[in-house]
Amino acid sequence: MSQNRAAQRQHSRAATLTLGAALLAVLPLLSGCDLLGIASVAAYKMGVGGKVPAKFTPARTPMLVLVEDYQHQSSVTVQAEQLSRLLANEIQTHDVAPVINPEQLQALKDAKPAEFPTMSVSAVARALGAQQVLYVQLTSSEVEPLSGGDGFTGASSASVKLIDGATGNTIWPTDEAGYGVSARAQIDSPHGARDPQDVRRRLNVDLADKISKLFYEWDQGNLAPTDEFTE
């Protein structure tokens, strides 16, 4: 019995080392937008915890979450509005900064339907009393039927910036193109995919989680991965 337990422990350690070595081998090939998801998945499967520091710590001043789509298509506009609310909730839940209520942003859009699309980020911030803006630009969003299956698969990517509400200048990152974040999801009908919006919501939940984690310290050992495909 003791020999069997020793053999099992040795096998477990070997498997962990093998997975760790594989991760180290592929990390140099990955872009910044993939690393958050890969880190949480690997740590979860290896049973390894560890604090992941914030990429940037915002000032504790009123923050507006503003998400815009990349081509102003109706389906993506709906996704942008949903992501905005999910992300605002994540920022508030993790006490990153005081958050402007998304309802105030919607009220401004409704009050100025013709003017709002041409307003600068700083003008929107001033109108709502925000001193900083978490600005997210959806750069791609695709949801397609599964090939040979009954369900949908999708992928989204976004560029993230923190902008000074008064000046419109980018606070973070130093790269004006922004920080890239991506998500992917797949749901077949037995797991609840009734239409493409089921996948879009899963993509939004994943993006909101990944974007918010840029701004606070999180423990990768306590969180199950959310970005793996559902088989």
Protein backbone atom coordinates (compact mmCIF):
# COMPACT_ATOMS: atom_id res chain seq x y z
CA MET A 1 0.00 0.00 0.00
CA SER A 2 2.74 2.47 0.97
CA GLN A 3 4.63 1.63 -2.22
CA ASN A 4 1.50 2.33 -4.29
CA ARG A 5 0.99 5.71 -2.62
CA ALA A 6 4.62 6.63 -3.17
CA ALA A 7 4.35 5.67 -6.82
CA GLN A 8 1.19 7.77 -7.21
CA ARG A 9 2.86 10.81 -5.64
CA GLN A 10 5.86 10.40 -7.89
CA HIS A 11 3.60 10.13 -10.96
CA SER A 12 1.67 13.28 -9.92
CA ARG A 13 4.90 15.26 -9.46
CA ALA A 14 6.14 14.11 -12.85
CA ALA A 15 2.90 15.13 -14.54
CA THR A 16 3.04 18.56 -12.92
CA LEU A 17 6.64 19.08 -14.03
CA THR A 18 5.74 17.98 -17.56
CA LEU A 19 2.85 20.45 -17.76
CA GLY A 20 5.03 23.20 -16.37
CA ALA A 21 7.75 22.52 -18.91
CA ALA A 22 5.22 22.56 -21.74
CA LEU A 23 3.87 25.90 -20.55
CA LEU A 24 7.34 27.43 -20.43
CA ALA A 25 7.98 26.20 -23.95
CA VAL A 26 4.94 27.93 -25.46
CA LEU A 27 4.91 31.17 -23.46
CA PRO A 28 7.44 32.94 -25.72
CA LEU A 29 5.07 32.34 -28.67
CA LEU A 30 2.05 33.99 -27.04
CA SER A 31 0.95 37.61 -27.21
CA GLY A 32 -0.02 39.67 -24.18
CA CYS A 33 -3.73 39.21 -24.84
CA ASP A 34 -3.46 35.43 -24.32
CA LEU A 35 -1.30 35.27 -21.21
CA LEU A 36 -3.99 35.97 -18.58
CA GLY A 37 -6.14 33.07 -19.74
CA ILE A 38 -3.23 30.66 -20.20
CA ALA A 39 -1.88 31.47 -16.73
CA SER A 40 -5.17 30.84 -14.95
CA VAL A 41 -5.86 27.61 -16.86
CA ALA A 42 -2.38 26.20 -16.19
CA ALA A 43 -2.38 27.19 -12.53
CA TYR A 44 -5.84 25.73 -12.00
CA LYS A 45 -4.90 22.38 -13.58
CA MET A 46 -1.56 22.19 -11.77
CA GLY A 47 -3.09 23.14 -8.43
CA VAL A 48 -0.63 26.01 -8.13
CA GLY A 49 -1.70 29.29 -6.55
CA GLY A 50 0.01 32.63 -6.66
CA LYS A 51 -0.84 36.29 -6.77
CA VAL A 52 -0.90 37.99 -10.16
CA PRO A 53 -0.20 41.72 -9.73
CA ALA A 54 -2.26 44.39 -11.46
CA LYS A 55 -0.88 45.62 -14.76
CA PHE A 56 -1.83 49.12 -13.59
CA THR A 57 -3.47 50.50 -10.45
CA PRO A 58 -5.93 53.30 -11.27
CA ALA A 59 -6.51 56.28 -9.02
CA ARG A 60 -9.48 55.95 -6.71
CA THR A 61 -11.46 58.61 -8.53
CA PRO A 62 -14.80 58.28 -10.38
CA MET A 63 -14.35 55.94 -13.37
CA LEU A 64 -16.55 55.67 -16.43
CA VAL A 65 -16.57 52.36 -18.30
CA LEU A 66 -17.05 53.08 -22.00
CA VAL A 67 -17.17 50.26 -24.55
CA GLU A 68 -17.50 50.96 -28.26
CA ASP A 69 -17.83 48.63 -31.22
CA TYR A 70 -15.51 48.54 -34.21
CA GLN A 71 -17.95 48.92 -37.13
CA HIS A 72 -21.18 50.14 -35.48
CA GLN A 73 -23.04 47.00 -36.52
CA SER A 74 -26.24 46.44 -34.59
CA SER A 75 -25.32 43.02 -33.18
CA VAL A 76 -21.92 44.23 -32.03
CA THR A 77 -23.42 47.42 -30.58
CA VAL A 78 -25.63 45.26 -28.37
CA GLN A 79 -22.56 43.26 -27.36
CA ALA A 80 -20.69 46.47 -26.52
CA GLU A 81 -23.51 47.67 -24.26
CA GLN A 82 -23.67 44.31 -22.49
CA LEU A 83 -19.89 44.20 -22.03
CA SER A 84 -19.94 47.74 -20.64
CA ARG A 85 -22.38 46.75 -17.88
CA LEU A 86 -20.58 43.50 -17.05
CA LEU A 87 -17.22 45.27 -16.87
CA ALA A 88 -18.59 48.09 -14.72
CA ASN A 89 -19.90 45.46 -12.31
CA GLU A 90 -16.50 43.70 -12.19
CA ILE A 91 -14.67 46.98 -11.50
CA GLN A 92 -17.09 47.80 -8.70
CA THR A 93 -17.12 44.28 -7.23
CA HIS A 94 -13.33 44.23 -6.95
CA ASP A 95 -13.19 47.79 -5.59
CA VAL A 96 -10.86 49.05 -8.31
CA ALA A 97 -12.38 52.55 -8.33
CA PRO A 98 -15.76 54.26 -7.84
CA VAL A 99 -17.80 53.53 -10.97
CA ILE A 100 -20.20 55.83 -12.79
CA ASN A 101 -23.56 54.07 -13.00
CA PRO A 102 -24.01 52.68 -16.55
CA GLU A 103 -27.58 54.00 -16.45
CA GLN A 104 -26.16 57.54 -16.46
CA LEU A 105 -24.24 56.79 -19.63
CA GLN A 106 -27.35 55.36 -21.26
CA ALA A 107 -29.35 58.43 -20.20
CA LEU A 108 -26.75 60.67 -21.88
CA LYS A 109 -26.99 58.61 -25.09
CA ASP A 110 -30.78 58.84 -25.02
CA ALA A 111 -30.73 62.59 -24.35
CA LYS A 112 -28.26 63.32 -27.16
CA PRO A 113 -28.79 60.63 -29.82
CA ALA A 114 -27.38 62.74 -32.67
CA GLU A 115 -24.58 64.41 -30.72
CA PHE A 116 -23.29 61.48 -28.66
CA PRO A 117 -21.56 59.56 -31.50
CA THR A 118 -19.39 62.61 -32.22
CA MET A 119 -18.54 63.44 -28.60
CA SER A 120 -14.94 62.93 -27.53
CA VAL A 121 -14.13 60.58 -24.66
CA SER A 122 -13.20 63.53 -22.45
CA ALA A 123 -16.48 65.32 -23.32
CA VAL A 124 -18.48 62.25 -22.28
CA ALA A 125 -16.41 62.00 -19.10
CA ARG A 126 -17.01 65.64 -18.19
CA ALA A 127 -20.73 65.32 -18.85
CA LEU A 128 -20.93 62.44 -16.38
CA GLY A 129 -18.46 63.69 -13.77
CA ALA A 130 -15.85 60.99 -14.46
CA GLN A 131 -12.20 61.76 -13.80
CA GLN A 132 -10.98 58.67 -15.66
CA VAL A 133 -12.38 56.47 -18.40
CA LEU A 134 -11.82 52.77 -18.87
CA TYR A 135 -12.14 52.78 -22.65
CA VAL A 136 -12.61 49.49 -24.48
CA GLN A 137 -12.71 49.25 -28.26
CA LEU A 138 -14.08 45.98 -29.61
CA THR A 139 -11.76 45.19 -32.52
CA SER A 140 -13.38 41.93 -33.63
CA SER A 141 -16.41 39.85 -32.80
CA GLU A 142 -17.45 36.76 -34.70
CA VAL A 143 -20.07 34.12 -33.88
CA GLU A 144 -20.66 31.28 -36.34
CA PRO A 145 -22.60 28.01 -36.43
CA LEU A 146 -20.61 24.93 -35.49
CA SER A 147 -19.36 23.03 -38.50
CA GLY A 148 -21.28 19.77 -38.63
CA GLY A 149 -22.87 20.40 -35.24
CA ASP A 150 -25.82 22.05 -33.54
CA GLY A 151 -24.54 25.10 -31.74
CA PHE A 152 -22.28 28.12 -32.11
CA THR A 153 -18.64 29.12 -31.73
CA GLY A 154 -17.29 32.62 -31.32
CA ALA A 155 -14.29 34.83 -30.66
CA SER A 156 -13.88 38.46 -29.62
CA SER A 157 -10.93 40.79 -29.15
CA ALA A 158 -10.66 44.25 -27.67
CA SER A 159 -8.19 47.05 -27.08
CA VAL A 160 -8.11 48.54 -23.56
CA LYS A 161 -7.02 52.00 -22.44
CA LEU A 162 -7.32 54.07 -19.28
CA ILE A 163 -7.92 57.71 -20.28
CA ASP A 164 -7.75 60.95 -18.31
CA GLY A 165 -11.27 62.34 -18.20
CA ALA A 166 -10.18 65.99 -18.24
CA THR A 167 -7.55 65.95 -20.99
CA GLY A 168 -8.39 62.88 -23.05
CA ASN A 169 -4.78 61.73 -22.74
CA THR A 170 -4.03 58.03 -22.31
CA ILE A 171 -2.92 57.21 -18.77
CA TRP A 172 -2.21 53.52 -19.47
CA PRO A 173 -0.72 51.75 -21.37
CA THR A 174 2.14 53.72 -22.91
CA ASP A 175 1.37 52.02 -26.21
CA GLU A 176 -1.31 54.20 -27.79
CA ALA A 177 -2.78 51.15 -29.52
CA GLY A 178 -3.98 49.91 -26.14
CA TYR A 179 -3.66 46.58 -24.33
CA GLY A 180 -5.06 43.63 -26.26
CA VAL A 181 -7.45 41.14 -24.67
CA SER A 182 -9.26 38.27 -26.37
CA ALA A 183 -11.87 35.62 -25.59
CA ARG A 184 -13.38 32.61 -27.30
CA ALA A 185 -16.34 30.36 -26.56
CA GLN A 186 -18.20 27.41 -27.99
CA ILE A 187 -21.58 26.04 -26.92
CA ASP A 188 -23.51 23.18 -28.45
CA SER A 189 -27.29 23.03 -28.09
CA PRO A 190 -27.39 20.40 -25.28
CA HIS A 191 -25.36 22.89 -23.18
CA GLY A 192 -27.83 25.73 -23.74
CA ALA A 193 -26.93 27.49 -27.00
CA ARG A 194 -30.30 28.61 -28.35
CA ASP A 195 -28.95 31.40 -30.59
CA PRO A 196 -25.71 33.34 -31.19
CA GLN A 197 -26.43 35.68 -28.27
CA ASP A 198 -25.73 32.82 -25.84
CA VAL A 199 -22.16 32.70 -27.12
CA ARG A 200 -21.86 36.50 -27.21
CA ARG A 201 -22.79 36.67 -23.53
CA ARG A 202 -20.17 34.07 -22.64
CA LEU A 203 -17.59 36.04 -24.62
CA ASN A 204 -18.57 39.20 -22.76
CA VAL A 205 -18.32 37.53 -19.35
CA ASP A 206 -14.83 36.30 -20.24
CA LEU A 207 -13.71 39.69 -21.61
CA ALA A 208 -15.08 41.54 -18.56
CA ASP A 209 -13.21 39.17 -16.25
CA LYS A 210 -9.92 39.48 -18.14
CA ILE A 211 -10.10 43.25 -18.54
CA SER A 212 -10.93 43.88 -14.89
CA LYS A 213 -8.03 41.66 -13.80
CA LEU A 214 -5.64 44.10 -15.48
CA PHE A 215 -6.38 46.53 -12.64
CA TYR A 216 -6.30 44.48 -9.44
CA GLU A 217 -4.23 41.72 -7.86
CA TRP A 218 -5.85 38.31 -8.22
CA ASP A 219 -5.11 34.79 -7.06
CA GLN A 220 -4.85 32.42 -10.01
CA GLY A 221 -5.00 29.35 -7.78
CA ASN A 222 -8.54 30.02 -6.57
CA LEU A 223 -10.23 30.62 -9.89
CA ALA A 224 -11.43 28.02 -12.36
CA PRO A 225 -10.65 28.96 -15.97
CA THR A 226 -13.52 30.53 -17.91
CA ASP A 227 -12.09 30.67 -21.42
CA GLU A 228 -11.87 27.03 -22.41
CA PHE A 229 -14.08 25.66 -25.17
CA THR A 230 -17.04 23.56 -24.08
CA GLU A 231 -16.85 20.20 -25.79
